């Protein structure tokens, strides 16, 4: 069966939506700054961009060659940053799904990625202890 992503109302504690589309464990989710899209990364080697209102998939990025461990969205909402089991950080155009940049340097899987509030830096954590 499908693996689902839950959207919860923080105030009421109620689940508002359930998004189905990944085939394996979802490892990370992020929300665009304007709250219109949800981005998810999964062990199924896919990044999915969801329409928050409709709950439908807008885009599937399946060019990841090994499991996605972490996703983040840039503060301007134009790019997705992903970390993966393949030790790389990738930057994707949110609108087109095309890879813009690949950053290498970790020697083990990237476990976490974040983007600074000014959008000028990516911060990453890895199983290589850096």
N, C-alpha and C. Protein backbone atom coordinates (compact mmCIF):
# COMPACT_ATOMS: atom_id res chain seq x y z
N UNK A 1 0.81 -1.20 0.00
CA UNK A 1 0.00 0.00 0.00
C UNK A 1 0.84 1.24 0.00
N UNK A 2 0.19 2.35 -0.19
CA UNK A 2 0.89 3.63 -0.20
C UNK A 2 1.31 4.05 1.20
N UNK A 3 2.39 4.77 1.25
CA UNK A 3 2.84 5.39 2.48
C UNK A 3 2.23 6.78 2.50
N UNK A 4 1.70 7.18 3.64
CA UNK A 4 0.97 8.44 3.70
C UNK A 4 1.71 9.50 4.51
N UNK A 5 1.48 10.74 4.12
CA UNK A 5 1.96 11.90 4.85
C UNK A 5 0.75 12.54 5.49
N UNK A 6 0.83 12.83 6.76
CA UNK A 6 -0.30 13.44 7.47
C UNK A 6 -0.07 14.94 7.63
N UNK A 7 -1.13 15.69 7.44
CA UNK A 7 -1.12 17.14 7.69
C UNK A 7 -2.02 17.37 8.90
N UNK A 8 -1.44 17.93 9.95
CA UNK A 8 -2.15 18.11 11.22
C UNK A 8 -2.44 19.58 11.49
N UNK A 9 -3.58 19.85 12.10
CA UNK A 9 -3.90 21.19 12.57
C UNK A 9 -3.28 21.33 13.94
N UNK A 10 -2.36 22.26 14.08
CA UNK A 10 -1.63 22.44 15.33
C UNK A 10 -2.54 22.85 16.48
N UNK A 11 -3.55 23.66 16.18
CA UNK A 11 -4.45 24.15 17.22
C UNK A 11 -5.42 23.07 17.70
N UNK A 12 -6.05 22.37 16.78
CA UNK A 12 -7.07 21.38 17.16
C UNK A 12 -6.50 19.99 17.43
N UNK A 13 -5.30 19.73 16.88
CA UNK A 13 -4.72 18.40 17.01
C UNK A 13 -5.33 17.38 16.08
N UNK A 14 -6.15 17.83 15.15
CA UNK A 14 -6.84 16.94 14.21
C UNK A 14 -6.05 16.81 12.90
N UNK A 15 -6.11 15.62 12.32
CA UNK A 15 -5.51 15.42 11.02
C UNK A 15 -6.41 16.05 9.96
N UNK A 16 -5.83 16.94 9.15
CA UNK A 16 -6.60 17.64 8.12
C UNK A 16 -6.51 16.97 6.76
N UNK A 17 -5.40 16.30 6.51
CA UNK A 17 -5.21 15.67 5.19
C UNK A 17 -4.24 14.52 5.31
N UNK A 18 -4.35 13.61 4.37
CA UNK A 18 -3.45 12.47 4.27
C UNK A 18 -3.04 12.35 2.80
N UNK A 19 -1.75 12.47 2.53
CA UNK A 19 -1.24 12.50 1.17
C UNK A 19 -0.58 11.16 0.85
N UNK A 20 -1.05 10.48 -0.18
CA UNK A 20 -0.52 9.18 -0.55
C UNK A 20 0.18 9.25 -1.89
N UNK A 21 1.34 8.62 -1.97
CA UNK A 21 2.05 8.61 -3.24
C UNK A 21 3.40 7.94 -3.16
N UNK A 22 4.06 8.02 -2.03
CA UNK A 22 5.35 7.34 -1.88
C UNK A 22 5.13 5.85 -1.67
N UNK A 23 6.11 5.06 -2.08
CA UNK A 23 6.00 3.61 -1.91
C UNK A 23 6.84 3.07 -0.76
N UNK A 24 7.71 3.91 -0.22
CA UNK A 24 8.53 3.51 0.92
C UNK A 24 8.54 4.63 1.95
N UNK A 25 9.21 4.38 3.06
CA UNK A 25 9.25 5.30 4.20
C UNK A 25 9.54 6.75 3.79
N UNK A 26 8.73 7.67 4.28
CA UNK A 26 8.97 9.10 4.09
C UNK A 26 9.96 9.53 5.17
N UNK A 27 11.06 10.12 4.75
CA UNK A 27 12.12 10.48 5.69
C UNK A 27 12.13 11.95 6.08
N UNK A 28 11.49 12.79 5.27
CA UNK A 28 11.55 14.22 5.54
C UNK A 28 10.43 14.95 4.80
N UNK A 29 9.93 16.00 5.42
CA UNK A 29 8.94 16.87 4.77
C UNK A 29 9.31 18.33 5.03
N UNK A 30 8.91 19.18 4.12
CA UNK A 30 9.11 20.62 4.26
C UNK A 30 7.91 21.32 3.63
N UNK A 31 7.71 22.57 4.00
CA UNK A 31 6.59 23.36 3.47
C UNK A 31 7.17 24.63 2.85
N UNK A 32 6.63 25.02 1.71
CA UNK A 32 7.09 26.25 1.07
C UNK A 32 6.70 27.45 1.94
N UNK A 33 7.46 28.53 1.84
CA UNK A 33 7.18 29.70 2.69
C UNK A 33 5.77 30.26 2.54
N UNK A 34 5.16 30.12 1.36
CA UNK A 34 3.81 30.63 1.17
C UNK A 34 2.74 29.60 1.57
N UNK A 35 3.18 28.45 2.08
CA UNK A 35 2.29 27.38 2.59
C UNK A 35 1.41 26.74 1.52
N UNK A 36 1.73 26.91 0.25
CA UNK A 36 0.88 26.34 -0.81
C UNK A 36 1.33 24.94 -1.22
N UNK A 37 2.57 24.58 -0.87
CA UNK A 37 3.09 23.28 -1.28
C UNK A 37 3.79 22.58 -0.13
N UNK A 38 3.75 21.26 -0.19
CA UNK A 38 4.48 20.41 0.74
C UNK A 38 5.47 19.62 -0.10
N UNK A 39 6.68 19.49 0.40
CA UNK A 39 7.72 18.73 -0.29
C UNK A 39 8.08 17.54 0.60
N UNK A 40 8.15 16.35 0.01
CA UNK A 40 8.50 15.16 0.78
C UNK A 40 9.63 14.40 0.11
N UNK A 41 10.47 13.79 0.94
CA UNK A 41 11.54 12.93 0.46
C UNK A 41 11.36 11.55 1.05
N UNK A 42 11.77 10.52 0.30
CA UNK A 42 11.49 9.16 0.71
C UNK A 42 12.60 8.19 0.35
N UNK A 43 12.58 7.04 1.01
CA UNK A 43 13.48 5.94 0.69
C UNK A 43 13.16 5.33 -0.68
N UNK A 44 12.06 5.75 -1.31
CA UNK A 44 11.74 5.26 -2.66
C UNK A 44 12.48 6.04 -3.75
N UNK A 45 13.46 6.85 -3.32
CA UNK A 45 14.31 7.63 -4.23
C UNK A 45 13.56 8.75 -4.94
N UNK A 46 12.50 9.24 -4.33
CA UNK A 46 11.71 10.30 -4.95
C UNK A 46 11.52 11.49 -4.02
N UNK A 47 11.42 12.65 -4.65
CA UNK A 47 10.99 13.87 -3.98
C UNK A 47 9.66 14.22 -4.62
N UNK A 48 8.65 14.46 -3.80
CA UNK A 48 7.33 14.81 -4.34
C UNK A 48 6.95 16.21 -3.86
N UNK A 49 6.44 17.01 -4.80
CA UNK A 49 5.89 18.33 -4.49
C UNK A 49 4.38 18.18 -4.53
N UNK A 50 3.74 18.48 -3.42
CA UNK A 50 2.29 18.33 -3.27
C UNK A 50 1.61 19.69 -3.22
N UNK A 51 0.42 19.77 -3.79
CA UNK A 51 -0.42 20.95 -3.61
C UNK A 51 -1.09 20.80 -2.25
N UNK A 52 -0.83 21.72 -1.33
CA UNK A 52 -1.35 21.58 0.03
C UNK A 52 -2.87 21.63 0.07
N UNK A 53 -3.46 22.44 -0.76
CA UNK A 53 -4.92 22.60 -0.76
C UNK A 53 -5.64 21.36 -1.28
N UNK A 54 -5.18 20.86 -2.43
CA UNK A 54 -5.87 19.72 -3.06
C UNK A 54 -5.34 18.37 -2.59
N UNK A 55 -4.11 18.35 -2.07
CA UNK A 55 -3.50 17.10 -1.66
C UNK A 55 -2.96 16.28 -2.81
N UNK A 56 -2.95 16.85 -4.01
CA UNK A 56 -2.50 16.14 -5.21
C UNK A 56 -1.02 16.39 -5.47
N UNK A 57 -0.39 15.40 -6.11
CA UNK A 57 1.00 15.54 -6.53
C UNK A 57 1.08 16.57 -7.65
N UNK A 58 1.96 17.54 -7.50
CA UNK A 58 2.21 18.50 -8.58
C UNK A 58 3.41 18.08 -9.41
N UNK A 59 4.38 17.45 -8.75
CA UNK A 59 5.62 17.10 -9.42
C UNK A 59 6.29 15.97 -8.66
N UNK A 60 6.89 15.05 -9.41
CA UNK A 60 7.69 13.99 -8.81
C UNK A 60 9.09 14.09 -9.39
N UNK A 61 10.06 14.25 -8.52
CA UNK A 61 11.47 14.26 -8.94
C UNK A 61 12.02 12.87 -8.63
N UNK A 62 12.32 12.12 -9.68
CA UNK A 62 12.78 10.75 -9.47
C UNK A 62 14.19 10.53 -10.01
N UNK A 63 14.95 11.62 -10.07
CA UNK A 63 16.33 11.53 -10.55
C UNK A 63 17.32 11.21 -9.44
N UNK A 64 16.83 10.99 -8.22
CA UNK A 64 17.70 10.65 -7.10
C UNK A 64 18.06 9.18 -7.26
N UNK A 65 19.34 8.86 -7.15
CA UNK A 65 19.76 7.47 -7.39
C UNK A 65 19.77 6.64 -6.11
N UNK A 66 19.71 7.26 -4.97
CA UNK A 66 19.65 6.53 -3.72
C UNK A 66 18.76 7.31 -2.76
N UNK A 67 18.21 6.65 -1.76
CA UNK A 67 17.19 7.21 -0.90
C UNK A 67 17.38 8.65 -0.46
N UNK A 68 16.30 9.40 -0.46
CA UNK A 68 16.29 10.79 0.01
C UNK A 68 16.15 10.77 1.53
N UNK A 69 17.08 11.41 2.22
CA UNK A 69 17.07 11.41 3.68
C UNK A 69 16.54 12.70 4.28
N UNK A 70 16.62 13.79 3.52
CA UNK A 70 16.21 15.08 4.08
C UNK A 70 15.86 16.04 2.95
N UNK A 71 14.85 16.88 3.19
CA UNK A 71 14.50 17.93 2.23
C UNK A 71 14.30 19.25 2.97
N UNK A 72 14.56 20.32 2.27
CA UNK A 72 14.32 21.68 2.76
C UNK A 72 13.92 22.54 1.57
N UNK A 73 13.28 23.66 1.84
CA UNK A 73 12.89 24.60 0.79
C UNK A 73 13.58 25.92 1.07
N UNK A 74 14.09 26.54 0.02
CA UNK A 74 14.75 27.84 0.20
C UNK A 74 13.73 28.89 0.62
N UNK A 75 14.19 29.92 1.35
CA UNK A 75 13.25 30.95 1.85
C UNK A 75 12.45 31.66 0.77
N UNK A 76 12.97 31.72 -0.45
CA UNK A 76 12.21 32.36 -1.54
C UNK A 76 11.25 31.40 -2.21
N UNK A 77 11.28 30.12 -1.79
CA UNK A 77 10.34 29.14 -2.31
C UNK A 77 10.64 28.64 -3.71
N UNK A 78 11.82 28.93 -4.26
CA UNK A 78 12.11 28.55 -5.63
C UNK A 78 12.86 27.24 -5.77
N UNK A 79 13.52 26.80 -4.70
CA UNK A 79 14.36 25.61 -4.79
C UNK A 79 14.11 24.64 -3.65
N UNK A 80 14.35 23.37 -3.95
CA UNK A 80 14.34 22.30 -2.96
C UNK A 80 15.79 21.88 -2.76
N UNK A 81 16.17 21.67 -1.52
CA UNK A 81 17.49 21.12 -1.20
C UNK A 81 17.26 19.73 -0.65
N UNK A 82 18.03 18.75 -1.15
CA UNK A 82 17.87 17.39 -0.66
C UNK A 82 19.20 16.78 -0.25
N UNK A 83 19.13 15.92 0.75
CA UNK A 83 20.27 15.11 1.15
C UNK A 83 19.91 13.67 0.87
N UNK A 84 20.93 12.83 0.65
CA UNK A 84 20.62 11.45 0.28
C UNK A 84 21.63 10.46 0.83
N UNK A 85 21.27 9.19 0.66
CA UNK A 85 22.13 8.10 1.06
C UNK A 85 23.40 8.09 0.21
N UNK A 86 23.35 8.68 -0.98
CA UNK A 86 24.50 8.69 -1.89
C UNK A 86 25.54 9.76 -1.54
N UNK A 87 25.46 10.31 -0.32
CA UNK A 87 26.45 11.25 0.22
C UNK A 87 26.44 12.64 -0.41
N UNK A 88 25.40 12.97 -1.18
CA UNK A 88 25.38 14.26 -1.86
C UNK A 88 24.23 15.13 -1.38
N UNK A 89 24.40 16.42 -1.64
CA UNK A 89 23.34 17.41 -1.44
C UNK A 89 23.01 17.93 -2.84
N UNK A 90 21.73 17.97 -3.14
CA UNK A 90 21.33 18.47 -4.46
C UNK A 90 20.35 19.62 -4.28
N UNK A 91 20.43 20.54 -5.24
CA UNK A 91 19.51 21.68 -5.28
C UNK A 91 18.68 21.51 -6.55
N UNK A 92 17.36 21.56 -6.37
CA UNK A 92 16.41 21.33 -7.47
C UNK A 92 15.55 22.57 -7.67
N UNK A 93 15.22 22.87 -8.91
CA UNK A 93 14.26 23.93 -9.21
C UNK A 93 12.87 23.41 -8.84
N UNK A 94 12.18 24.08 -7.94
CA UNK A 94 10.89 23.61 -7.46
C UNK A 94 9.84 23.58 -8.57
N UNK A 95 9.89 24.52 -9.49
CA UNK A 95 8.89 24.60 -10.56
C UNK A 95 9.09 23.55 -11.64
N UNK A 96 10.35 23.30 -12.02
CA UNK A 96 10.62 22.39 -13.13
C UNK A 96 11.04 21.00 -12.68
N UNK A 97 11.56 20.88 -11.46
CA UNK A 97 12.08 19.61 -10.98
C UNK A 97 13.47 19.30 -11.48
N UNK A 98 14.08 20.22 -12.17
CA UNK A 98 15.42 20.00 -12.74
C UNK A 98 16.50 20.27 -11.68
N UNK A 99 17.55 19.46 -11.75
CA UNK A 99 18.68 19.65 -10.84
C UNK A 99 19.45 20.90 -11.22
N UNK A 100 19.72 21.76 -10.23
CA UNK A 100 20.46 22.99 -10.46
C UNK A 100 21.92 22.86 -10.03
N UNK A 101 22.14 22.04 -8.98
CA UNK A 101 23.49 21.93 -8.43
C UNK A 101 23.60 20.65 -7.61
N UNK A 102 24.80 20.08 -7.62
CA UNK A 102 25.09 18.93 -6.78
C UNK A 102 26.34 19.25 -5.96
N UNK A 103 26.24 19.05 -4.67
CA UNK A 103 27.35 19.37 -3.77
C UNK A 103 27.89 18.07 -3.18
N UNK A 104 29.17 17.82 -3.40
CA UNK A 104 29.81 16.62 -2.88
C UNK A 104 30.81 17.03 -1.81
N UNK A 105 31.10 16.13 -0.91
CA UNK A 105 32.07 16.43 0.14
C UNK A 105 31.90 15.51 1.34
N UNK A 106 30.68 15.06 1.56
CA UNK A 106 30.47 14.10 2.65
C UNK A 106 30.95 12.73 2.21
N UNK A 107 31.41 11.93 3.18
CA UNK A 107 31.89 10.59 2.88
C UNK A 107 30.92 9.51 3.33
N UNK A 108 29.77 9.93 3.85
CA UNK A 108 28.71 9.00 4.22
C UNK A 108 27.39 9.72 3.97
N UNK A 109 26.28 9.02 4.18
CA UNK A 109 24.98 9.59 3.83
C UNK A 109 24.71 10.93 4.53
N UNK A 110 24.07 11.82 3.81
CA UNK A 110 23.65 13.11 4.35
C UNK A 110 22.35 12.86 5.11
N UNK A 111 22.33 13.19 6.38
CA UNK A 111 21.17 12.88 7.21
C UNK A 111 20.23 14.06 7.43
N UNK A 112 20.74 15.27 7.19
CA UNK A 112 19.90 16.45 7.43
C UNK A 112 20.40 17.63 6.61
N UNK A 113 19.45 18.39 6.06
CA UNK A 113 19.80 19.63 5.36
C UNK A 113 18.88 20.76 5.82
N UNK A 114 19.42 21.96 5.81
CA UNK A 114 18.65 23.16 6.14
C UNK A 114 19.21 24.31 5.31
N UNK A 115 18.41 25.33 5.14
CA UNK A 115 18.83 26.53 4.40
C UNK A 115 18.73 27.70 5.36
N UNK A 116 19.76 28.55 5.36
CA UNK A 116 19.74 29.72 6.24
C UNK A 116 18.60 30.65 5.83
N UNK A 117 18.06 31.39 6.80
CA UNK A 117 16.92 32.29 6.50
C UNK A 117 17.19 33.30 5.39
N UNK A 118 18.45 33.68 5.18
CA UNK A 118 18.74 34.62 4.10
C UNK A 118 18.95 33.91 2.76
N UNK A 119 18.90 32.57 2.76
CA UNK A 119 18.98 31.80 1.52
C UNK A 119 20.37 31.70 0.92
N UNK A 120 21.40 32.09 1.64
CA UNK A 120 22.75 32.10 1.06
C UNK A 120 23.59 30.87 1.42
N UNK A 121 23.13 30.06 2.36
CA UNK A 121 23.91 28.91 2.79
C UNK A 121 23.02 27.68 2.98
N UNK A 122 23.61 26.52 2.72
CA UNK A 122 22.99 25.25 3.06
C UNK A 122 23.81 24.67 4.21
N UNK A 123 23.14 24.17 5.21
CA UNK A 123 23.80 23.53 6.36
C UNK A 123 23.42 22.06 6.31
N UNK A 124 24.41 21.17 6.48
CA UNK A 124 24.13 19.74 6.37
C UNK A 124 24.76 18.96 7.51
N UNK A 125 24.10 17.85 7.82
CA UNK A 125 24.64 16.89 8.78
C UNK A 125 24.78 15.57 8.04
N UNK A 126 25.73 14.75 8.51
CA UNK A 126 26.01 13.49 7.81
C UNK A 126 26.40 12.40 8.79
N UNK A 127 26.24 11.18 8.35
CA UNK A 127 26.68 10.02 9.12
C UNK A 127 28.21 9.96 9.18
N UNK A 128 28.88 10.81 8.41
CA UNK A 128 30.35 10.86 8.48
C UNK A 128 30.82 11.71 9.65
N UNK A 129 29.87 12.15 10.48
CA UNK A 129 30.12 12.92 11.70
C UNK A 129 30.57 14.35 11.45
N UNK A 130 30.25 14.88 10.27
CA UNK A 130 30.57 16.29 9.99
C UNK A 130 29.29 17.07 9.80
